[in-house]
Structures are given as C-alpha cells and as structure tokens.
Protein backbone atom coordinates (compact mmCIF):
# COMPACT_ATOMS: atom_id res chain seq x y z
CA MET A 1 -1.63 67.76 -26.94
CA THR A 2 -0.97 64.43 -28.65
CA ALA A 3 -2.56 65.37 -32.00
CA GLY A 4 -0.51 68.56 -32.14
CA PHE A 5 2.66 66.69 -31.29
CA LEU A 6 2.19 64.43 -34.31
CA GLN A 7 1.27 67.17 -36.80
CA ARG A 8 3.66 68.12 -39.59
CA GLU A 9 3.65 71.76 -38.46
CA ARG A 10 5.30 70.76 -35.17
CA ILE A 11 8.36 69.29 -36.88
CA VAL A 12 9.32 71.98 -39.42
CA ALA A 13 13.06 72.51 -38.97
CA ARG A 14 14.22 75.79 -37.48
CA PRO A 15 17.04 77.84 -39.02
CA GLY A 16 20.42 76.25 -38.31
CA TRP A 17 19.07 72.69 -38.04
CA SER A 18 21.28 70.20 -39.90
CA ARG A 19 19.74 67.92 -42.51
CA TRP A 20 22.28 65.25 -41.54
CA LEU A 21 20.21 64.50 -38.43
CA VAL A 22 17.43 63.08 -40.63
CA PRO A 23 19.25 59.88 -41.72
CA PRO A 24 19.87 58.77 -38.07
CA ALA A 25 16.18 59.33 -37.31
CA ALA A 26 15.22 57.23 -40.32
CA LEU A 27 17.80 54.58 -39.38
CA SER A 28 16.26 54.03 -35.96
CA ILE A 29 12.98 53.03 -37.60
CA HIS A 30 14.51 51.00 -40.42
CA LEU A 31 16.99 49.13 -38.21
CA ALA A 32 14.05 48.02 -36.07
CA ILE A 33 11.65 46.92 -38.81
CA GLY A 34 14.60 45.30 -40.63
CA GLN A 35 14.23 42.55 -38.03
CA ALA A 36 11.91 40.93 -40.57
CA TYR A 37 15.00 39.75 -42.46
CA ALA A 38 16.02 37.65 -39.44
CA TRP A 39 12.76 35.69 -39.49
CA SER A 40 14.56 32.56 -40.72
CA VAL A 41 16.18 32.23 -37.26
CA PHE A 42 12.68 31.62 -35.86
CA LYS A 43 11.77 29.04 -38.50
CA THR A 44 13.53 25.96 -37.12
CA PRO A 45 12.40 26.46 -33.47
CA LEU A 46 8.82 27.06 -34.63
CA GLU A 47 8.82 24.01 -36.90
CA ALA A 48 10.30 21.76 -34.20
CA GLY A 49 8.29 23.20 -31.32
CA LEU A 50 4.91 23.31 -33.05
CA GLY A 51 5.35 20.52 -35.61
CA ILE A 52 4.63 22.73 -38.62
CA SER A 53 6.04 22.70 -42.17
CA GLY A 54 8.49 25.09 -43.79
CA VAL A 55 5.68 26.74 -45.73
CA ALA A 56 3.63 27.19 -42.54
CA SER A 57 6.57 28.66 -40.62
CA ALA A 58 7.04 31.18 -43.45
CA LEU A 59 3.43 32.45 -43.20
CA PRO A 60 4.07 35.27 -40.68
CA PHE A 61 6.97 36.55 -42.78
CA THR A 62 5.06 36.19 -46.06
CA LEU A 63 1.95 37.94 -44.71
CA GLY A 64 4.17 40.63 -43.20
CA ILE A 65 5.68 41.42 -46.60
CA ILE A 66 2.23 41.38 -48.22
CA MET A 67 0.94 43.83 -45.62
CA LEU A 68 4.08 45.94 -46.04
CA GLY A 69 3.24 46.60 -49.67
CA LEU A 70 -0.50 46.98 -49.14
CA SER A 71 -0.20 49.34 -46.17
CA ALA A 72 2.44 51.40 -47.97
CA ALA A 73 0.10 51.73 -50.95
CA VAL A 74 -3.00 52.51 -48.85
CA PHE A 75 -1.36 54.94 -46.41
CA GLY A 76 1.24 56.49 -48.75
CA THR A 77 -0.76 59.66 -49.42
CA LYS A 78 -1.67 59.95 -45.72
CA VAL A 79 2.01 59.72 -44.78
CA ASP A 80 2.79 62.56 -47.22
CA THR A 81 -0.10 64.61 -45.76
CA ASN A 82 0.42 63.99 -42.02
CA GLY A 83 4.20 63.94 -42.06
CA PRO A 84 6.88 61.49 -40.95
CA ARG A 85 6.39 61.78 -37.17
CA TRP A 86 2.77 60.60 -37.40
CA ALA A 87 3.87 57.76 -39.65
CA MET A 88 6.75 56.70 -37.39
CA VAL A 89 4.54 56.64 -34.27
CA VAL A 90 1.86 54.55 -36.01
CA ALA A 91 4.53 52.24 -37.43
CA SER A 92 6.13 51.76 -34.02
CA ALA A 93 2.79 50.96 -32.38
CA CYS A 94 1.87 48.36 -35.02
CA PHE A 95 5.31 46.75 -35.23
CA VAL A 96 5.70 46.37 -31.47
CA SER A 97 2.11 45.16 -31.08
CA GLY A 98 2.89 42.43 -33.60
CA PHE A 99 5.59 41.04 -31.32
CA LEU A 100 3.38 41.20 -28.24
CA ILE A 101 0.43 39.49 -29.97
CA SER A 102 2.80 36.78 -31.25
CA ALA A 103 4.15 36.22 -27.75
CA ALA A 104 0.61 35.85 -26.41
CA GLY A 105 -0.26 33.43 -29.21
CA LEU A 106 2.69 31.17 -28.42
CA TYR A 107 1.91 31.20 -24.70
CA LEU A 108 -1.64 30.14 -25.56
CA GLY A 109 -0.50 27.58 -28.14
CA GLN A 110 -2.32 29.42 -30.94
CA TYR A 111 -0.03 29.76 -33.95
CA TRP A 112 -2.66 31.69 -35.89
CA LEU A 113 -2.07 34.57 -33.46
CA VAL A 114 1.58 34.63 -34.52
CA VAL A 115 0.46 34.90 -38.14
CA LEU A 116 -2.05 37.62 -37.22
CA GLY A 117 0.28 39.52 -34.90
CA TYR A 118 3.63 39.41 -36.65
CA GLY A 119 2.24 39.07 -40.17
CA PHE A 120 -0.85 41.28 -40.28
CA VAL A 121 -0.47 43.88 -37.51
CA GLY A 122 3.32 43.95 -37.60
CA GLY A 123 3.22 44.01 -41.39
CA ILE A 124 1.21 47.24 -41.33
CA GLY A 125 3.97 48.67 -39.15
CA LEU A 126 6.54 47.48 -41.67
CA GLY A 127 4.84 49.27 -44.56
CA ILE A 128 4.16 52.58 -42.85
CA GLY A 129 7.57 52.55 -41.19
CA TYR A 130 9.36 51.77 -44.42
CA ILE A 131 7.96 54.73 -46.37
CA SER A 132 7.77 57.13 -43.40
CA PRO A 133 11.18 58.83 -43.95
CA VAL A 134 11.61 58.37 -47.72
CA SER A 135 9.75 61.45 -48.99
CA THR A 136 11.34 63.56 -46.25
CA LEU A 137 14.83 62.37 -47.20
CA MET A 138 14.17 63.22 -50.85
CA LYS A 139 13.24 66.77 -49.88
CA TRP A 140 16.26 67.20 -47.63
CA PHE A 141 18.70 65.71 -50.16
CA PRO A 142 17.57 66.64 -53.70
CA ASP A 143 21.24 66.84 -54.66
CA ARG A 144 22.10 63.32 -53.45
CA PRO A 145 18.93 61.22 -53.41
CA GLY A 146 20.68 57.89 -53.89
CA LEU A 147 23.02 58.49 -50.97
CA ALA A 148 20.29 59.79 -48.68
CA THR A 149 17.80 56.97 -49.22
CA GLY A 150 20.67 54.48 -49.22
CA ILE A 151 21.76 55.55 -45.74
CA ALA A 152 18.29 55.14 -44.30
CA ILE A 153 17.13 52.09 -46.20
CA MET A 154 20.49 50.51 -45.35
CA GLY A 155 19.03 50.20 -41.88
CA PHE A 156 16.23 47.97 -43.12
CA GLY A 157 18.76 45.64 -44.69
CA GLY A 158 21.05 45.80 -41.67
CA GLY A 159 18.32 45.17 -39.14
CA ALA A 160 18.92 41.44 -39.26
CA LEU A 161 22.59 42.00 -38.52
CA ILE A 162 21.45 43.00 -35.05
CA ALA A 163 18.30 40.90 -34.82
CA SER A 164 19.78 37.58 -35.98
CA PRO A 165 22.38 37.14 -33.20
CA LEU A 166 20.03 38.79 -30.68
CA THR A 167 17.23 36.36 -31.55
CA GLN A 168 19.59 33.37 -31.40
CA GLN A 169 20.93 34.41 -27.99
CA LEU A 170 17.46 34.99 -26.57
CA LEU A 171 16.18 31.67 -27.92
CA THR A 172 19.16 29.90 -26.34
CA ALA A 173 18.75 31.75 -23.03
CA PHE A 174 15.06 30.80 -22.86
CA GLY A 175 15.62 27.14 -23.83
CA ALA A 176 14.03 27.45 -27.27
CA THR A 177 16.72 25.68 -29.32
CA GLY A 178 17.60 22.07 -30.08
CA ALA A 179 15.41 19.17 -31.19
CA THR A 180 12.63 19.98 -28.68
CA PRO A 181 12.54 23.75 -28.18
CA ASP A 182 10.41 25.26 -25.42
CA VAL A 183 7.55 27.10 -27.13
CA HIS A 184 7.19 29.38 -24.10
CA GLY A 185 10.85 30.29 -24.60
CA ILE A 186 10.05 31.39 -28.15
CA ALA A 187 7.20 33.47 -26.71
CA GLN A 188 9.56 35.11 -24.21
CA THR A 189 11.90 35.97 -27.09
CA PHE A 190 9.09 37.76 -28.93
CA LEU A 191 8.12 39.61 -25.76
CA VAL A 192 11.62 40.88 -24.97
CA MET A 193 12.25 41.93 -28.56
CA GLY A 194 8.98 43.87 -28.66
CA VAL A 195 9.94 45.87 -25.57
CA LEU A 196 13.44 46.57 -26.91
CA TYR A 197 12.16 47.78 -30.28
CA ALA A 198 9.56 50.03 -28.63
CA ALA A 199 12.34 51.92 -26.87
CA PHE A 200 14.66 52.01 -29.87
CA MET A 201 12.09 53.29 -32.39
CA SER A 202 11.06 56.20 -30.16
CA PHE A 203 14.38 57.90 -31.01
CA GLY A 204 13.30 58.25 -34.65
CA TRP A 205 9.94 59.94 -34.19
CA LEU A 206 11.35 62.29 -31.54
CA LEU A 207 14.22 63.47 -33.78
CA ILE A 208 12.63 63.66 -37.26
CA ARG A 209 12.12 67.07 -38.92
CA VAL A 210 10.83 68.28 -42.32
CA PRO A 211 12.37 71.15 -44.34
CA PRO A 212 10.61 74.52 -44.63
CA ASP A 213 8.75 75.12 -47.89
CA GLY A 214 11.10 76.15 -50.66
CA TRP A 215 14.27 75.02 -48.91
CA ARG A 216 17.14 73.66 -51.00
CA PRO A 217 20.83 72.95 -50.31
CA ALA A 218 23.28 75.80 -50.73
CA GLY A 219 24.77 75.87 -54.23
CA TRP A 220 22.21 73.47 -55.73
CA HIS A 221 19.43 74.32 -58.18
CA PRO A 222 16.81 71.99 -59.74
CA ASP A 223 17.99 72.97 -63.23
CA GLN A 224 21.20 71.02 -62.58
CA ALA A 225 19.19 67.82 -63.06
CA LYS A 226 18.62 68.71 -66.73
CA ALA A 227 22.12 67.44 -67.52
CA HIS A 228 20.75 63.90 -67.05
CA ARG A 229 18.23 62.76 -69.66
CA MET A 230 16.45 60.33 -67.32
CA ILE A 231 16.02 62.93 -64.53
CA THR A 232 12.93 65.11 -64.84
CA THR A 233 12.45 68.60 -63.45
CA ALA A 234 8.66 68.25 -63.86
CA GLN A 235 6.23 66.74 -61.35
CA VAL A 236 3.81 63.83 -61.75
CA SER A 237 0.95 63.13 -59.33
CA ASN A 238 0.34 59.80 -57.64
CA ASN A 239 -2.79 59.15 -59.73
CA ASN A 240 -1.07 60.02 -63.01
CA ALA A 241 2.06 57.99 -62.21
CA ILE A 242 0.18 54.69 -62.14
CA ARG A 243 -1.18 55.45 -65.62
CA THR A 244 2.31 55.52 -67.11
CA PRO A 245 4.09 52.49 -68.63
CA GLN A 246 7.22 53.56 -66.71
CA PHE A 247 5.53 52.84 -63.38
CA TRP A 248 4.53 49.31 -64.40
CA CYS A 249 7.89 48.50 -65.99
CA LEU A 250 9.54 49.58 -62.75
CA TRP A 251 6.97 47.53 -60.82
CA VAL A 252 8.09 44.40 -62.69
CA VAL A 253 11.76 45.31 -62.17
CA LEU A 254 11.31 45.68 -58.41
CA CYS A 255 9.08 42.63 -58.07
CA PHE A 256 11.47 40.20 -59.74
CA ASN A 257 14.60 41.70 -58.18
CA VAL A 258 12.97 41.27 -54.76
CA THR A 259 11.80 37.76 -55.59
CA ALA A 260 15.38 36.78 -56.36
CA GLY A 261 16.65 37.88 -52.96
CA ILE A 262 13.75 37.32 -50.63
CA GLY A 263 13.48 33.59 -51.37
CA ILE A 264 17.04 32.98 -50.17
CA LEU A 265 16.73 35.42 -47.29
CA GLU A 266 13.53 33.96 -45.88
CA ARG A 267 14.99 30.43 -45.89
CA ALA A 268 18.63 31.40 -45.36
CA ALA A 269 19.37 29.25 -42.30
CA PRO A 270 17.83 26.03 -43.73
CA ILE A 271 19.52 26.62 -47.11
CA TYR A 272 22.92 26.84 -45.42
CA ARG A 273 22.26 23.64 -43.44
CA ASP A 274 21.23 21.82 -46.63
CA PHE A 275 24.27 23.00 -48.59
CA PHE A 276 26.80 22.43 -45.79
CA PRO A 277 25.42 19.91 -43.26
CA ASP A 278 27.40 19.04 -40.13
CA ALA A 279 25.68 16.16 -38.37
CA SER A 280 28.54 15.84 -35.86
CA SER A 281 27.76 19.18 -34.20
CA PRO A 282 24.16 20.43 -34.43
CA ALA A 283 24.92 23.38 -32.15
CA ALA A 284 27.84 24.50 -34.31
CA LEU A 285 25.72 24.11 -37.45
CA ALA A 286 22.95 26.25 -35.92
CA ALA A 287 25.49 28.93 -35.03
CA ALA A 288 27.02 28.81 -38.52
CA ALA A 289 23.57 29.09 -40.10
CA ALA A 290 22.79 32.11 -37.91
CA GLY A 291 26.14 33.57 -38.96
CA PHE A 292 25.17 33.04 -42.60
CA VAL A 293 21.96 35.00 -41.99
CA ALA A 294 24.02 37.80 -40.43
CA MET A 295 26.43 37.82 -43.40
CA LEU A 296 23.52 38.12 -45.82
CA SER A 297 22.12 40.95 -43.73
CA LEU A 298 25.47 42.74 -43.87
CA ALA A 299 25.59 42.37 -47.66
CA ASN A 300 21.96 43.50 -47.90
CA SER A 301 22.77 46.55 -45.81
CA LEU A 302 26.04 47.52 -47.48
CA GLY A 303 24.50 47.08 -50.93
CA ARG A 304 21.83 49.61 -50.06
CA ILE A 305 24.27 52.38 -49.27
CA GLY A 306 27.10 51.38 -51.64
CA TRP A 307 25.25 50.64 -54.87
CA SER A 308 22.57 53.30 -54.26
CA SER A 309 25.22 56.00 -53.76
CA THR A 310 26.92 54.82 -56.95
CA SER A 311 23.64 55.36 -58.81
CA ASP A 312 23.93 59.13 -58.23
CA TRP A 313 26.69 59.27 -60.86
CA ALA A 314 26.28 55.97 -62.76
CA GLY A 315 22.54 56.38 -63.30
CA ARG A 316 19.62 54.37 -61.92
CA LYS A 317 18.96 52.43 -65.13
CA ASN A 318 22.57 51.24 -65.40
CA MET A 319 22.53 50.05 -61.79
CA TYR A 320 19.42 47.94 -62.36
CA ARG A 321 21.09 46.43 -65.40
CA MET A 322 23.74 45.17 -63.00
CA TYR A 323 21.34 44.06 -60.27
CA LEU A 324 19.28 41.96 -62.68
CA GLY A 325 21.82 40.82 -65.27
CA VAL A 326 24.69 39.97 -62.95
CA GLY A 327 22.18 38.59 -60.44
CA ALA A 328 21.00 36.02 -62.99
CA LEU A 329 24.60 34.97 -63.64
CA LEU A 330 25.26 34.58 -59.91
CA TYR A 331 22.22 32.32 -59.48
CA LEU A 332 23.44 30.28 -62.44
CA THR A 333 26.86 29.94 -60.78
CA ILE A 334 25.31 28.62 -57.55
CA THR A 335 23.14 26.22 -59.52
CA LEU A 336 26.11 24.80 -61.42
CA THR A 337 28.70 24.70 -58.62
CA THR A 338 26.33 23.83 -55.72
CA ASN A 339 28.41 23.23 -52.55
CA SER A 340 31.73 22.40 -54.22
CA ASN A 341 33.26 25.68 -53.06
CA LYS A 342 31.96 27.30 -49.88
CA VAL A 343 33.75 30.61 -50.48
CA LEU A 344 32.25 30.93 -53.98
CA PHE A 345 28.81 30.07 -52.59
CA LEU A 346 29.11 32.74 -49.90
CA VAL A 347 30.39 35.39 -52.32
CA CYS A 348 27.56 34.71 -54.78
CA CYS A 349 24.90 34.82 -52.05
CA MET A 350 26.30 38.03 -50.57
CA LEU A 351 26.38 39.74 -53.99
CA ILE A 352 22.82 38.60 -54.72
CA LEU A 353 21.68 40.05 -51.39
CA SER A 354 23.64 43.26 -52.00
CA PHE A 355 21.76 43.68 -55.31
CA TYR A 356 18.50 42.83 -53.56
CA GLY A 357 19.04 45.51 -50.94
CA ALA A 358 20.34 48.00 -53.49
CA GLY A 359 17.16 47.58 -55.52
CA PHE A 360 15.14 48.90 -52.59
CA ALA A 361 17.49 51.79 -51.89
CA THR A 362 17.81 52.84 -55.53
CA VAL A 363 14.12 52.71 -56.45
CA PRO A 364 13.03 55.88 -54.55
CA ALA A 365 15.66 57.87 -56.47
CA TYR A 366 14.55 56.18 -59.72
CA LEU A 367 10.99 57.29 -58.95
CA ARG A 368 12.20 60.82 -58.19
CA ASP A 369 14.04 60.86 -61.53
CA LEU A 370 10.93 59.79 -63.43
CA PHE A 371 8.11 61.50 -61.50
CA GLY A 372 9.64 64.33 -59.43
CA THR A 373 9.21 64.89 -55.68
CA TYR A 374 5.59 66.16 -55.67
CA GLN A 375 3.99 62.92 -54.42
CA VAL A 376 6.96 60.58 -54.55
CA GLY A 377 6.13 59.09 -51.13
CA ALA A 378 2.67 58.02 -52.26
CA ILE A 379 4.02 56.74 -55.59
CA HIS A 380 6.67 54.78 -53.72
CA GLY A 381 3.98 53.30 -51.50
CA ARG A 382 2.03 52.03 -54.50
CA LEU A 383 5.15 50.64 -56.11
CA LEU A 384 5.82 48.59 -52.97
CA THR A 385 2.87 46.37 -53.89
CA ALA A 386 5.55 44.76 -56.07
CA TRP A 387 7.30 43.83 -52.83
CA SER A 388 4.07 42.28 -51.52
CA THR A 389 3.82 40.17 -54.65
CA ALA A 390 7.46 39.17 -54.39
CA GLY A 391 6.93 38.38 -50.71
CA VAL A 392 4.57 35.64 -51.85
CA LEU A 393 6.49 34.55 -54.96
CA GLY A 394 9.96 34.27 -53.44
CA PRO A 395 9.20 32.17 -50.34
CA LEU A 396 6.56 30.18 -52.23
CA ILE A 397 8.96 29.24 -55.02
CA ILE A 398 11.83 28.35 -52.67
CA ASN A 399 9.79 26.68 -49.90
CA ALA A 400 7.31 24.82 -52.10
CA VAL A 401 10.06 23.40 -54.32
CA ALA A 402 12.24 22.53 -51.31
CA ASP A 403 9.37 20.87 -49.41
CA ALA A 404 8.41 18.84 -52.49
CA ARG A 405 11.99 17.75 -53.06
CA ILE A 406 12.42 16.85 -49.39
CA ALA A 407 9.24 14.75 -49.55
CA ALA A 408 10.73 13.02 -52.60
CA GLY A 409 13.84 12.16 -50.60
CA VAL A 410 16.18 14.62 -52.35
CA GLU A 411 19.18 15.68 -50.24
CA GLY A 412 21.50 18.69 -50.23
CA PRO A 413 21.69 21.52 -52.79
CA ALA A 414 19.58 19.60 -55.32
CA ARG A 415 16.57 20.51 -53.21
CA TYR A 416 16.79 24.06 -54.62
CA THR A 417 17.91 23.59 -58.25
CA PRO A 418 14.45 23.96 -59.91
CA ALA A 419 13.65 27.01 -57.78
CA PHE A 420 16.92 28.73 -58.68
CA LEU A 421 16.29 28.14 -62.39
CA ILE A 422 12.86 29.77 -62.07
CA VAL A 423 14.46 32.79 -60.38
CA ILE A 424 16.97 33.13 -63.24
CA VAL A 425 14.10 33.39 -65.73
CA LEU A 426 12.38 36.05 -63.61
CA LEU A 427 15.58 38.11 -63.42
CA VAL A 428 15.90 38.06 -67.22
CA ILE A 429 12.30 39.30 -67.53
CA GLY A 430 13.11 42.08 -65.06
CA PHE A 431 16.20 43.03 -67.10
CA VAL A 432 14.07 43.43 -70.24
CA SER A 433 11.51 45.54 -68.34
CA ASN A 434 14.26 47.89 -67.17
CA GLU A 435 15.41 48.36 -70.78
CA LEU A 436 11.91 49.50 -71.72
CA ILE A 437 11.89 52.44 -69.27
CA ARG A 438 12.03 55.87 -70.92
CA PRO A 439 11.37 59.44 -69.66
CA VAL A 440 7.71 60.13 -68.77
CA HIS A 441 5.64 61.82 -71.50
CA PRO A 442 4.84 65.50 -70.74
CA ARG A 443 1.09 64.84 -70.89
CA PHE A 444 1.37 63.22 -67.44
CA HIS A 445 3.14 66.24 -65.89
CA GLU A 446 1.46 68.50 -63.35
CA PRO A 447 1.03 72.23 -64.06
CA GLU A 448 3.74 74.27 -62.36
CA GLY A 449 1.33 76.22 -60.17
CA PRO A 450 0.15 73.51 -57.75
CA THR A 451 3.70 72.46 -56.90
CA ALA A 452 5.29 75.90 -56.79
CA ARG A 453 7.41 76.61 -53.70
CA THR A 454 7.90 79.69 -51.63
CA ALA A 455 11.22 81.44 -51.19
CA PRO A 456 14.04 79.27 -49.82
CA ALA A 457 14.53 79.21 -46.07
CA GLU A 458 17.88 79.30 -44.37
CA VAL A 459 18.54 75.84 -42.94
CA ARG A 460 22.09 74.53 -42.61
CA ALA A 461 23.07 72.00 -45.29
C-alpha cells in the first residue's frame, strides 16, 4: 500500500543497520536539487532565444529560492511528523514536474510556464527536499552534527558540479547555444534532465531510514554537550523558537551570508564573461564561463563539508565570524583589484562560495546547539525563509545594478562595483548579528516529559 510505504513506521532501522547509509540517501536528493546552482548556464540561451533581460531570465531561479524557503517553513512540521521518505517522494515529484512543465512551456513558446514550472512547482520540491534529511541526520549523528549535515548538504552545493557540464553538453547537442539558440533545444534539455533526476532521486527515498526511539551512538551521552557553553541539552519547540531573539539574529546572519553568495552564483557565467571577455572565441569563452560555474560549485560543495566539520570543534559562532568577516574582505579585494589578476579573482570567488555553502551546512548544527533536536527540522524550515529573502535580494542587487550599468554603457568589472559594495555592508551587518547570539533563556525550554525517550535500541554506529 502506497500510504504505508511512505509512513515513518515503515522506515525505522532494524538492529545492525549502519547510520552511515543515511548520508548517501540524503546526498542523492541534495545532488539532484543542487542543480538550481547551475541555473546561470541556462541564462544566456534563454536571453538570446527568447529576447528577455537578465532580470527576466533570473525569475525562475529567484522564484525557486523563494518557494524553497516558503515550502520549507510551511511543510517543516509535516516533514518531522511524516518522516523523510514521505518528504523525499513529494520533493522528487515536484522537482521533476518543474522540469517537465518548463520543457512544455518552451515548446509552446510560453516563458511564464518556465517560471511557474521551474520556479513555483520545482521550488516546492527544492524546499521539501532540502529539509527532508536534516532532522534525520541530526538524530543519527548527535555526536557529529556538523560533519553529518555537511556531508549531505554538500550535495546541494555540489549539484551544479554535475549539472553545469551536463546542461552545457545537452544544450550543445540540441543546438541551443550560440547567438541564435534553438528554443526547442532548450526544451529538450529540460525534458532529458527531468527524466534523469527522477531516476537518480529514487535511490534516496528507497534507502532512507530513521533511528529507533532512544537510540544514541555507542560511547556518547547528551551530557557531553555541557562542556560547550553554546550547546544546550534542553529542547525548544518550533513555536517557542521563533519568539527568541537568537532565532531572528540567526535569520539575519543566514540571510546576508546567502545574499553575498547567491548574487554571484546566479549570474556566475555572465560575471566571468564581463570580467574576462574573449571576443576572438565565443565558444571558448562559453566553455570557460561554464567551467567557472563548475569551480564555484566545487567550492560551494567542499565548503559545506570542510568548514561545517570544522565547526564541531571550533564552534558554530566562530565559524560564522569567518564566513561573514573574511567574506566582506574578499568582496572588497575583488572590488579593488577587478580583473587585474585572474588567479586572485578565482581564489576570492571560490572562498566566498565556500563560505556561502558552509553557512547552509553549519546552520542546522547551530540550531541544534541553540534549540535542541526536538523540532529542529521545523525550526530549520522556518529559518530558511531567510534564504527566500536572500534569493530575491542577491539576484536583484547584482542583476539590477548590472542591467542599469549596461544600459548606461559601462563595460567590464565596473558593471558590478556598486553591487559588491552593497554586499560588503550586508556582510558587516550579519557579522554584528552573529555577535549578538547568546544561549537561549530557560523560559523558552520545553518540559522534559514531552521529549523524553525510551531505552536505547541496538543499532550499529
């Protein structure tokens, strides 16, 4: 029975099941939905094929990020209640449907269907898929939350590492590149990618399991967390969490850290072409721009696992000090040096994107430290509304400034200088917000009874 197959009770791990099978299950979902970070590869063909502006070509991506945050907030509690398999199946259906609707829209010459399909429907899949394994990972890895969420959320950052070259190859194969791309070729690219992702994501919801009530890793006890002042052993509900100043300070931190990275990421290919134009070989420039997108995706992905794992011993607050403070200095370096040194430009961009990705991977553990694991999935879902806001702010700041400067006849890196200065200010505000975060006041804690666990079960660590 389908309903039974999706129920949480059907996926409780049996004795002897290894918790290390959970990260691969989560990765299969996150690697797929991480395709969103390769959207910039579609931008130039869509603009040339449909005659639309940079802001218009960003609409599906922007709406997708908005829906990611909203759907995560709306369905966060339902994901915690129904379990990760239900969430992964729903996410797969929405995400794949977004590609198919977009393909149909391009065949029919209706760009609004691309916005609706990829942005709205696919965006719901992004949000539910993104949070679907997070709470489960926290429960399987209470001893190493930064590492566990980093491994899985790394997939979301690394999705473009696969999707960017795949998209470019499909667009080329279907004649959707060059000055006059075939719009039907773009549609075929969406169609093929939808079918591929449908098959790939099924691995995740077939494999995923949840721990039995009361399970914990051998040799680990919750009292070990008391050695860290910022890590609570109490529990805070979803409704109480949003009443705390810590939640809203962290909301600002995540919003502005995301804004700093997502603006570059969404317009990565055009930014590279503006900084390092090569009029003599358009094909080589397109390939180099796609390579730049892939490099940023690699940095985004590695930052999620590397910096997030580091947070397990360095502390979440210290890591965000680096993401925001050093990030502001890196933006300032790009603004001052522009395209005078390609290696320096690439290093700065890759570090910025590593901090961007790390911010996502570290925040679930930060939430666990502040609010406990009781309803951390639902709390995480509400916090992701910061991502929705940043999904509008980042592309709007970068694209609107760039389009205005292009209209004014500005060439090269100067097209982005005002936007980068705005981002620097936002990062400084985020840095201050992080400094204001303190342990949650006990009046927001849940009584011990409702969150008490039964005796530990024997499941292999």
